Structure formats: structure tokens, C-alpha cells
């Protein structure tokens, strides 16, 4: 069976285990303090909070349903998608989207952002914006599988968000425009014809 030929097995270094235990113990302390024991959810919620804070959304949704964040002074909501810089495709994934939620992405009250991360905590850049066509795009794909057993999962590349729907590229405070621009060009050379260095924004340029 070919499955037994796959993988890259190496001895486990003692430092890997020791430092790993320490990292998990620190995470457990955080989970205990905030009463959140689902590890994947905890990490995603921390990331959501970091991105939302940069963009001016000060209320975080600690429940499973609804959008990820909200502005307390305005009726503005934020949906946060996360992606690794090492992914072959940089973009957001919409899982199990229904018609109601798809339509919401055409509503001016809802913004969408994709945070691009290196590792667990190093935010590389943010793609942020809203466009009526995003909701239409999601709705079309939800309806395409409505009478099938297929789950509605849509993947949208940041290139589409930026080039077609005018989303902004936002540079975190600890990064430079040159650094982020280089990442974009490295991902897709076509960004050189889509964006200039001056098109990149700082968080204060786009805060709600």
C-alpha cells in the first residue's frame, strides 16, 4: 500500500518535547483564564482579536455563530479569515456558507479581512475590504450545491479580492511596505501591475 511509503519520519529531539510542553502549558494558562478549552478555537480567536483591533473593531464574538468582530460605536461587523504565508494559495475559505450568510457579504455593514500569518503569531499582512460582488459570488456557489450532498466551501484568492473587488492591503505596524510588497510579488508577479508601493495602507488609513 502506497500510504505506508508516505511521510518523513525523524527522531524526536528532546528539546522539541521540552519546549513544546512549555508552549502548551502557557497556552493552557491562557485557556484557563479565558475559559476557552478548544485549542484551535483559542488560537483563531486570538488571531481574530489581533486583526480586528488593527482595523478598529473592538468587540470580539466569543460564540460559534455570527461574525467574528463588531465595532461598538457603529453598526459594522467583521468576518476574519486566516491563512499561512506558506500556503500554495493565499486567500480565505468560507466553510458551510448558507444563503443568508452569503447575502450578508453584499451588505455594507459587513467587512471581510484575510490575515496572512507566518507561524502562530507573526502577522505578515492583512487584506481588507467589502464589495457587493463578494456576496453574489458566494451566493452563486451556495446555490450551485443546494440540492446535492456536497458541502458549500468556497476558496477566494487574495488576488481576486484585491484586483477585482478593490480590497486594501494593510501593513501591520511591525512590518514595512517594502517587506509586504516583496511578499506579494513573490506570491504572484502580476501584483507588480496591480499595485504600487503607495497603494499599501497602514492600519490607521483603513480603521473603521
C-alpha atoms as a PDB file:
ATOM      1  CA  UNK A   1       0.000   0.000   0.000  1.00  0.00           C
ATOM      2  CA  UNK A   2       1.429   3.391  -1.043  1.00  0.00           C
ATOM      3  CA  UNK A   3       0.126   5.084   2.111  1.00  0.00           C
ATOM      4  CA  UNK A   4       2.866   3.335   4.113  1.00  0.00           C
ATOM      5  CA  UNK A   5       5.527   4.863   1.868  1.00  0.00           C
ATOM      6  CA  UNK A   6       4.472   8.429   2.620  1.00  0.00           C
ATOM      7  CA  UNK A   7       5.840  10.677   5.346  1.00  0.00           C
ATOM      8  CA  UNK A   8       9.194  11.927   6.607  1.00  0.00           C
ATOM      9  CA  UNK A   9       9.912  10.234   9.918  1.00  0.00           C
ATOM     10  CA  UNK A  10      12.759  11.530  12.098  1.00  0.00           C
ATOM     11  CA  UNK A  11      13.887  11.019  15.719  1.00  0.00           C
ATOM     12  CA  UNK A  12      12.091  13.331  18.154  1.00  0.00           C
ATOM     13  CA  UNK A  13      14.619  15.771  19.722  1.00  0.00           C
ATOM     14  CA  UNK A  14      14.313  16.119  23.499  1.00  0.00           C
ATOM     15  CA  UNK A  15      14.286  19.918  23.063  1.00  0.00           C
ATOM     16  CA  UNK A  16      11.258  19.604  20.775  1.00  0.00           C
ATOM     17  CA  UNK A  17       9.327  17.841  23.506  1.00  0.00           C
ATOM     18  CA  UNK A  18      10.539  20.063  26.356  1.00  0.00           C
ATOM     19  CA  UNK A  19       9.898  23.362  24.583  1.00  0.00           C
ATOM     20  CA  UNK A  20       6.660  22.011  23.170  1.00  0.00           C
ATOM     21  CA  UNK A  21       5.386  21.131  26.647  1.00  0.00           C
ATOM     22  CA  UNK A  22       6.310  24.621  27.886  1.00  0.00           C
ATOM     23  CA  UNK A  23       4.485  26.284  24.978  1.00  0.00           C
ATOM     24  CA  UNK A  24       1.387  24.160  25.550  1.00  0.00           C
ATOM     25  CA  UNK A  25       1.446  24.846  29.299  1.00  0.00           C
ATOM     26  CA  UNK A  26       1.490  28.598  28.621  1.00  0.00           C
ATOM     27  CA  UNK A  27      -1.396  28.204  26.176  1.00  0.00           C
ATOM     28  CA  UNK A  28      -3.320  26.177  28.762  1.00  0.00           C
ATOM     29  CA  UNK A  29      -2.899  29.003  31.298  1.00  0.00           C
ATOM     30  CA  UNK A  30      -4.389  31.390  28.749  1.00  0.00           C
ATOM     31  CA  UNK A  31      -7.262  28.987  28.052  1.00  0.00           C
ATOM     32  CA  UNK A  32      -7.978  28.639  31.768  1.00  0.00           C
ATOM     33  CA  UNK A  33      -8.008  32.415  32.281  1.00  0.00           C
ATOM     34  CA  UNK A  34     -10.455  32.988  29.431  1.00  0.00           C
ATOM     35  CA  UNK A  35     -12.399  29.735  29.816  1.00  0.00           C
ATOM     36  CA  UNK A  36     -11.755  28.556  26.256  1.00  0.00           C
ATOM     37  CA  UNK A  37     -10.524  24.978  26.076  1.00  0.00           C
ATOM     38  CA  UNK A  38     -10.850  24.240  22.369  1.00  0.00           C
ATOM     39  CA  UNK A  39      -7.255  24.767  21.253  1.00  0.00           C
ATOM     40  CA  UNK A  40      -7.905  25.509  17.575  1.00  0.00           C
ATOM     41  CA  UNK A  41     -10.665  27.946  18.528  1.00  0.00           C
ATOM     42  CA  UNK A  42      -8.406  29.622  21.082  1.00  0.00           C
ATOM     43  CA  UNK A  43      -5.642  30.280  18.562  1.00  0.00           C
ATOM     44  CA  UNK A  44      -8.071  31.505  15.910  1.00  0.00           C
ATOM     45  CA  UNK A  45      -9.814  33.793  18.403  1.00  0.00           C
ATOM     46  CA  UNK A  46      -6.505  35.346  19.469  1.00  0.00           C
ATOM     47  CA  UNK A  47      -5.659  35.976  15.828  1.00  0.00           C
ATOM     48  CA  UNK A  48      -9.127  37.406  15.199  1.00  0.00           C
ATOM     49  CA  UNK A  49      -8.619  39.815  18.093  1.00  0.00           C
ATOM     50  CA  UNK A  50      -5.243  40.989  16.763  1.00  0.00           C
ATOM     51  CA  UNK A  51      -6.565  41.663  13.256  1.00  0.00           C
ATOM     52  CA  UNK A  52      -9.840  43.183  14.469  1.00  0.00           C
ATOM     53  CA  UNK A  53      -8.010  45.569  16.786  1.00  0.00           C
ATOM     54  CA  UNK A  54      -5.848  46.913  13.952  1.00  0.00           C
ATOM     55  CA  UNK A  55      -8.951  47.583  11.860  1.00  0.00           C
ATOM     56  CA  UNK A  56     -10.998  49.349  14.538  1.00  0.00           C
ATOM     57  CA  UNK A  57     -13.344  46.541  15.582  1.00  0.00           C
ATOM     58  CA  UNK A  58     -13.302  46.440  19.377  1.00  0.00           C
ATOM     59  CA  UNK A  59     -15.904  43.760  20.157  1.00  0.00           C
ATOM     60  CA  UNK A  60     -14.976  40.093  19.672  1.00  0.00           C
ATOM     61  CA  UNK A  61     -17.573  37.362  19.175  1.00  0.00           C
ATOM     62  CA  UNK A  62     -16.901  34.513  21.617  1.00  0.00           C
ATOM     63  CA  UNK A  63     -19.731  32.348  20.270  1.00  0.00           C
ATOM     64  CA  UNK A  64     -19.599  29.994  17.296  1.00  0.00           C
ATOM     65  CA  UNK A  65     -22.387  31.695  15.337  1.00  0.00           C
ATOM     66  CA  UNK A  66     -22.353  35.177  13.858  1.00  0.00           C
ATOM     67  CA  UNK A  67     -19.434  37.207  12.584  1.00  0.00           C
ATOM     68  CA  UNK A  68     -16.048  37.419  14.263  1.00  0.00           C
ATOM     69  CA  UNK A  69     -15.993  41.033  15.444  1.00  0.00           C
ATOM     70  CA  UNK A  70     -18.016  44.240  15.675  1.00  0.00           C
ATOM     71  CA  UNK A  71     -17.444  47.958  16.133  1.00  0.00           C
ATOM     72  CA  UNK A  72     -19.112  49.125  19.368  1.00  0.00           C
ATOM     73  CA  UNK A  73     -19.901  52.635  18.102  1.00  0.00           C
ATOM     74  CA  UNK A  74     -21.061  51.780  14.580  1.00  0.00           C
ATOM     75  CA  UNK A  75     -23.211  49.020  13.120  1.00  0.00           C
ATOM     76  CA  UNK A  76     -20.206  47.459  11.401  1.00  0.00           C
ATOM     77  CA  UNK A  77     -19.210  43.793  11.514  1.00  0.00           C
ATOM     78  CA  UNK A  78     -16.054  41.924  10.538  1.00  0.00           C
ATOM     79  CA  UNK A  79     -15.505  38.413   9.199  1.00  0.00           C
ATOM     80  CA  UNK A  80     -11.907  37.273   9.673  1.00  0.00           C
ATOM     81  CA  UNK A  81     -10.230  34.596   7.548  1.00  0.00           C
ATOM     82  CA  UNK A  82      -6.755  33.260   8.348  1.00  0.00           C
ATOM     83  CA  UNK A  83      -4.094  31.888   6.010  1.00  0.00           C
ATOM     84  CA  UNK A  84      -0.467  30.743   6.269  1.00  0.00           C
ATOM     85  CA  UNK A  85       2.139  32.569   4.186  1.00  0.00           C
ATOM     86  CA  UNK A  86       3.453  29.123   3.249  1.00  0.00           C
ATOM     87  CA  UNK A  87       0.182  28.057   1.595  1.00  0.00           C
ATOM     88  CA  UNK A  88       0.236  27.468  -2.137  1.00  0.00           C
ATOM     89  CA  UNK A  89      -2.824  29.689  -2.395  1.00  0.00           C
ATOM     90  CA  UNK A  90      -3.185  32.803  -0.260  1.00  0.00           C
ATOM     91  CA  UNK A  91      -6.807  33.571   0.424  1.00  0.00           C
ATOM     92  CA  UNK A  92      -9.871  32.990   2.535  1.00  0.00           C
ATOM     93  CA  UNK A  93     -12.031  29.901   2.906  1.00  0.00           C
ATOM     94  CA  UNK A  94     -15.775  30.065   3.502  1.00  0.00           C
ATOM     95  CA  UNK A  95     -16.967  26.771   5.008  1.00  0.00           C
ATOM     96  CA  UNK A  96     -20.613  25.660   5.175  1.00  0.00           C
ATOM     97  CA  UNK A  97     -21.904  29.007   3.918  1.00  0.00           C
ATOM     98  CA  UNK A  98     -25.703  29.210   3.641  1.00  0.00           C
ATOM     99  CA  UNK A  99     -27.768  31.653   1.563  1.00  0.00           C
ATOM    100  CA  UNK A 100     -28.368  34.058   4.437  1.00  0.00           C
ATOM    101  CA  UNK A 101     -24.694  34.376   5.269  1.00  0.00           C
ATOM    102  CA  UNK A 102     -23.677  34.603   1.614  1.00  0.00           C
ATOM    103  CA  UNK A 103     -26.078  37.512   1.080  1.00  0.00           C
ATOM    104  CA  UNK A 104     -24.627  39.269   4.143  1.00  0.00           C
ATOM    105  CA  UNK A 105     -21.327  39.726   2.310  1.00  0.00           C
ATOM    106  CA  UNK A 106     -23.103  42.123  -0.065  1.00  0.00           C
ATOM    107  CA  UNK A 107     -24.306  44.210   2.895  1.00  0.00           C
ATOM    108  CA  UNK A 108     -22.458  47.467   3.647  1.00  0.00           C
ATOM    109  CA  UNK A 109     -22.494  46.619   7.357  1.00  0.00           C
ATOM    110  CA  UNK A 110     -20.096  43.700   6.832  1.00  0.00           C
ATOM    111  CA  UNK A 111     -16.375  43.864   6.102  1.00  0.00           C
ATOM    112  CA  UNK A 112     -14.086  40.934   5.309  1.00  0.00           C
ATOM    113  CA  UNK A 113     -10.419  40.502   6.060  1.00  0.00           C
ATOM    114  CA  UNK A 114      -7.819  37.831   5.373  1.00  0.00           C
ATOM    115  CA  UNK A 115      -4.878  37.731   7.775  1.00  0.00           C
ATOM    116  CA  UNK A 116      -1.712  36.215   6.322  1.00  0.00           C
ATOM    117  CA  UNK A 117       0.442  34.667   9.063  1.00  0.00           C
ATOM    118  CA  UNK A 118       3.905  33.178   9.436  1.00  0.00           C
ATOM    119  CA  UNK A 119       3.686  30.653  12.212  1.00  0.00           C
ATOM    120  CA  UNK A 120       1.202  31.094  15.026  1.00  0.00           C
ATOM    121  CA  UNK A 121       1.739  34.740  15.890  1.00  0.00           C
ATOM    122  CA  UNK A 122       3.676  36.616  13.197  1.00  0.00           C
ATOM    123  CA  UNK A 123       1.161  38.591  11.122  1.00  0.00           C
ATOM    124  CA  UNK A 124       2.639  39.349   7.694  1.00  0.00           C
ATOM    125  CA  UNK A 125      -0.125  41.498   6.199  1.00  0.00           C
ATOM    126  CA  UNK A 126      -3.891  41.940   6.007  1.00  0.00           C
ATOM    127  CA  UNK A 127      -6.250  42.100   3.026  1.00  0.00           C
ATOM    128  CA  UNK A 128      -9.336  44.105   3.999  1.00  0.00           C
ATOM    129  CA  UNK A 129     -12.469  45.486   2.394  1.00  0.00           C
ATOM    130  CA  UNK A 130     -16.019  44.896   1.224  1.00  0.00           C
ATOM    131  CA  UNK A 131     -17.789  44.572  -2.131  1.00  0.00           C
ATOM    132  CA  UNK A 132     -21.294  43.630  -3.228  1.00  0.00           C
ATOM    133  CA  UNK A 133     -19.855  41.124  -5.716  1.00  0.00           C
ATOM    134  CA  UNK A 134     -18.319  39.064  -2.904  1.00  0.00           C
ATOM    135  CA  UNK A 135     -21.781  38.217  -1.618  1.00  0.00           C
ATOM    136  CA  UNK A 136     -23.053  37.490  -5.120  1.00  0.00           C
ATOM    137  CA  UNK A 137     -20.075  35.222  -5.778  1.00  0.00           C
ATOM    138  CA  UNK A 138     -20.664  33.242  -2.572  1.00  0.00           C
ATOM    139  CA  UNK A 139     -24.421  33.048  -3.129  1.00  0.00           C
ATOM    140  CA  UNK A 140     -23.983  31.657  -6.644  1.00  0.00           C
ATOM    141  CA  UNK A 141     -21.771  28.869  -5.332  1.00  0.00           C
ATOM    142  CA  UNK A 142     -24.037  28.075  -2.400  1.00  0.00           C
ATOM    143  CA  UNK A 143     -26.979  27.674  -4.771  1.00  0.00           C
ATOM    144  CA  UNK A 144     -24.897  25.504  -7.119  1.00  0.00           C
ATOM    145  CA  UNK A 145     -24.677  22.758  -4.488  1.00  0.00           C
ATOM    146  CA  UNK A 146     -28.025  23.382  -2.780  1.00  0.00           C
ATOM    147  CA  UNK A 147     -29.616  20.132  -3.972  1.00  0.00           C
ATOM    148  CA  UNK A 148     -26.541  17.950  -3.631  1.00  0.00           C
ATOM    149  CA  UNK A 149     -24.748  16.280  -0.743  1.00  0.00           C
ATOM    150  CA  UNK A 150     -21.671  18.444  -1.372  1.00  0.00           C
ATOM    151  CA  UNK A 151     -20.677  20.879   1.386  1.00  0.00           C
ATOM    152  CA  UNK A 152     -20.583  24.514   0.346  1.00  0.00           C
ATOM    153  CA  UNK A 153     -16.930  25.515   0.612  1.00  0.00           C
ATOM    154  CA  UNK A 154     -15.566  28.467  -1.322  1.00  0.00           C
ATOM    155  CA  UNK A 155     -11.917  29.473  -1.613  1.00  0.00           C
ATOM    156  CA  UNK A 156     -11.186  33.011  -2.760  1.00  0.00           C
ATOM    157  CA  UNK A 157      -7.664  34.109  -3.633  1.00  0.00           C
ATOM    158  CA  UNK A 158      -6.406  37.457  -2.350  1.00  0.00           C
ATOM    159  CA  UNK A 159      -5.659  38.368  -5.984  1.00  0.00           C
ATOM    160  CA  UNK A 160      -9.392  38.371  -6.733  1.00  0.00           C
ATOM    161  CA  UNK A 161     -10.171  40.342  -3.587  1.00  0.00           C
ATOM    162  CA  UNK A 162      -7.567  42.989  -4.435  1.00  0.00           C
ATOM    163  CA  UNK A 163      -7.728  43.200  -8.236  1.00  0.00           C
ATOM    164  CA  UNK A 164     -11.445  42.694  -8.888  1.00  0.00           C
ATOM    165  CA  UNK A 165     -13.070  43.931  -5.693  1.00  0.00           C
ATOM    166  CA  UNK A 166     -10.716  46.680  -4.562  1.00  0.00           C
ATOM    167  CA  UNK A 167      -9.703  45.259  -1.198  1.00  0.00           C
ATOM    168  CA  UNK A 168      -6.838  47.063   0.553  1.00  0.00           C
ATOM    169  CA  UNK A 169      -3.507  45.533   1.525  1.00  0.00           C
ATOM    170  CA  UNK A 170      -2.810  46.614   5.106  1.00  0.00           C
ATOM    171  CA  UNK A 171       0.699  46.584   6.555  1.00  0.00           C
ATOM    172  CA  UNK A 172       0.970  45.688  10.287  1.00  0.00           C
ATOM    173  CA  UNK A 173       2.879  48.188  12.477  1.00  0.00           C
ATOM    174  CA  UNK A 174       5.911  45.910  12.831  1.00  0.00           C
ATOM    175  CA  UNK A 175       6.289  45.417   9.049  1.00  0.00           C
ATOM    176  CA  UNK A 176       7.261  47.798   6.245  1.00  0.00           C
ATOM    177  CA  UNK A 177       5.555  48.465   2.921  1.00  0.00           C
ATOM    178  CA  UNK A 178       8.655  47.247   1.093  1.00  0.00           C
ATOM    179  CA  UNK A 179       8.577  43.948   3.010  1.00  0.00           C
ATOM    180  CA  UNK A 180       4.889  43.302   2.272  1.00  0.00           C
ATOM    181  CA  UNK A 181       5.171  44.385  -1.358  1.00  0.00           C
ATOM    182  CA  UNK A 182       8.025  41.929  -1.839  1.00  0.00           C
ATOM    183  CA  UNK A 183       5.861  39.135  -0.362  1.00  0.00           C
ATOM    184  CA  UNK A 184       3.050  39.959  -2.778  1.00  0.00           C
ATOM    185  CA  UNK A 185       5.337  39.992  -5.827  1.00  0.00           C
ATOM    186  CA  UNK A 186       6.936  36.739  -4.690  1.00  0.00           C
ATOM    187  CA  UNK A 187       3.488  35.145  -4.405  1.00  0.00           C
ATOM    188  CA  UNK A 188       2.296  36.410  -7.799  1.00  0.00           C
ATOM    189  CA  UNK A 189       4.496  38.567 -10.034  1.00  0.00           C
ATOM    190  CA  UNK A 190       1.313  40.014 -11.583  1.00  0.00           C
ATOM    191  CA  UNK A 191       0.871  42.112  -8.427  1.00  0.00           C
ATOM    192  CA  UNK A 192       3.535  44.407  -9.846  1.00  0.00           C
ATOM    193  CA  UNK A 193       0.995  45.535 -12.454  1.00  0.00           C
ATOM    194  CA  UNK A 194      -1.898  45.601  -9.969  1.00  0.00           C
ATOM    195  CA  UNK A 195      -0.399  47.530  -7.045  1.00  0.00           C
ATOM    196  CA  UNK A 196       2.291  50.087  -6.415  1.00  0.00           C
ATOM    197  CA  UNK A 197       4.087  50.542  -3.129  1.00  0.00           C
ATOM    198  CA  UNK A 198       1.994  53.620  -2.359  1.00  0.00           C
ATOM    199  CA  UNK A 199      -1.229  51.593  -2.661  1.00  0.00           C
ATOM    200  CA  UNK A 200      -0.399  49.688   0.512  1.00  0.00           C
ATOM    201  CA  UNK A 201      -2.111  51.042   3.622  1.00  0.00           C
ATOM    202  CA  UNK A 202      -1.340  51.328   7.317  1.00  0.00           C
ATOM    203  CA  UNK A 203      -3.997  50.288   9.854  1.00  0.00           C
ATOM    204  CA  UNK A 204      -4.848  53.933  10.629  1.00  0.00           C
ATOM    205  CA  UNK A 205      -5.610  54.505   6.916  1.00  0.00           C
ATOM    206  CA  UNK A 206      -8.462  51.978   6.927  1.00  0.00           C
ATOM    207  CA  UNK A 207      -9.699  51.864  10.538  1.00  0.00           C
ATOM    208  CA  UNK A 208     -13.480  51.834  10.846  1.00  0.00           C
END
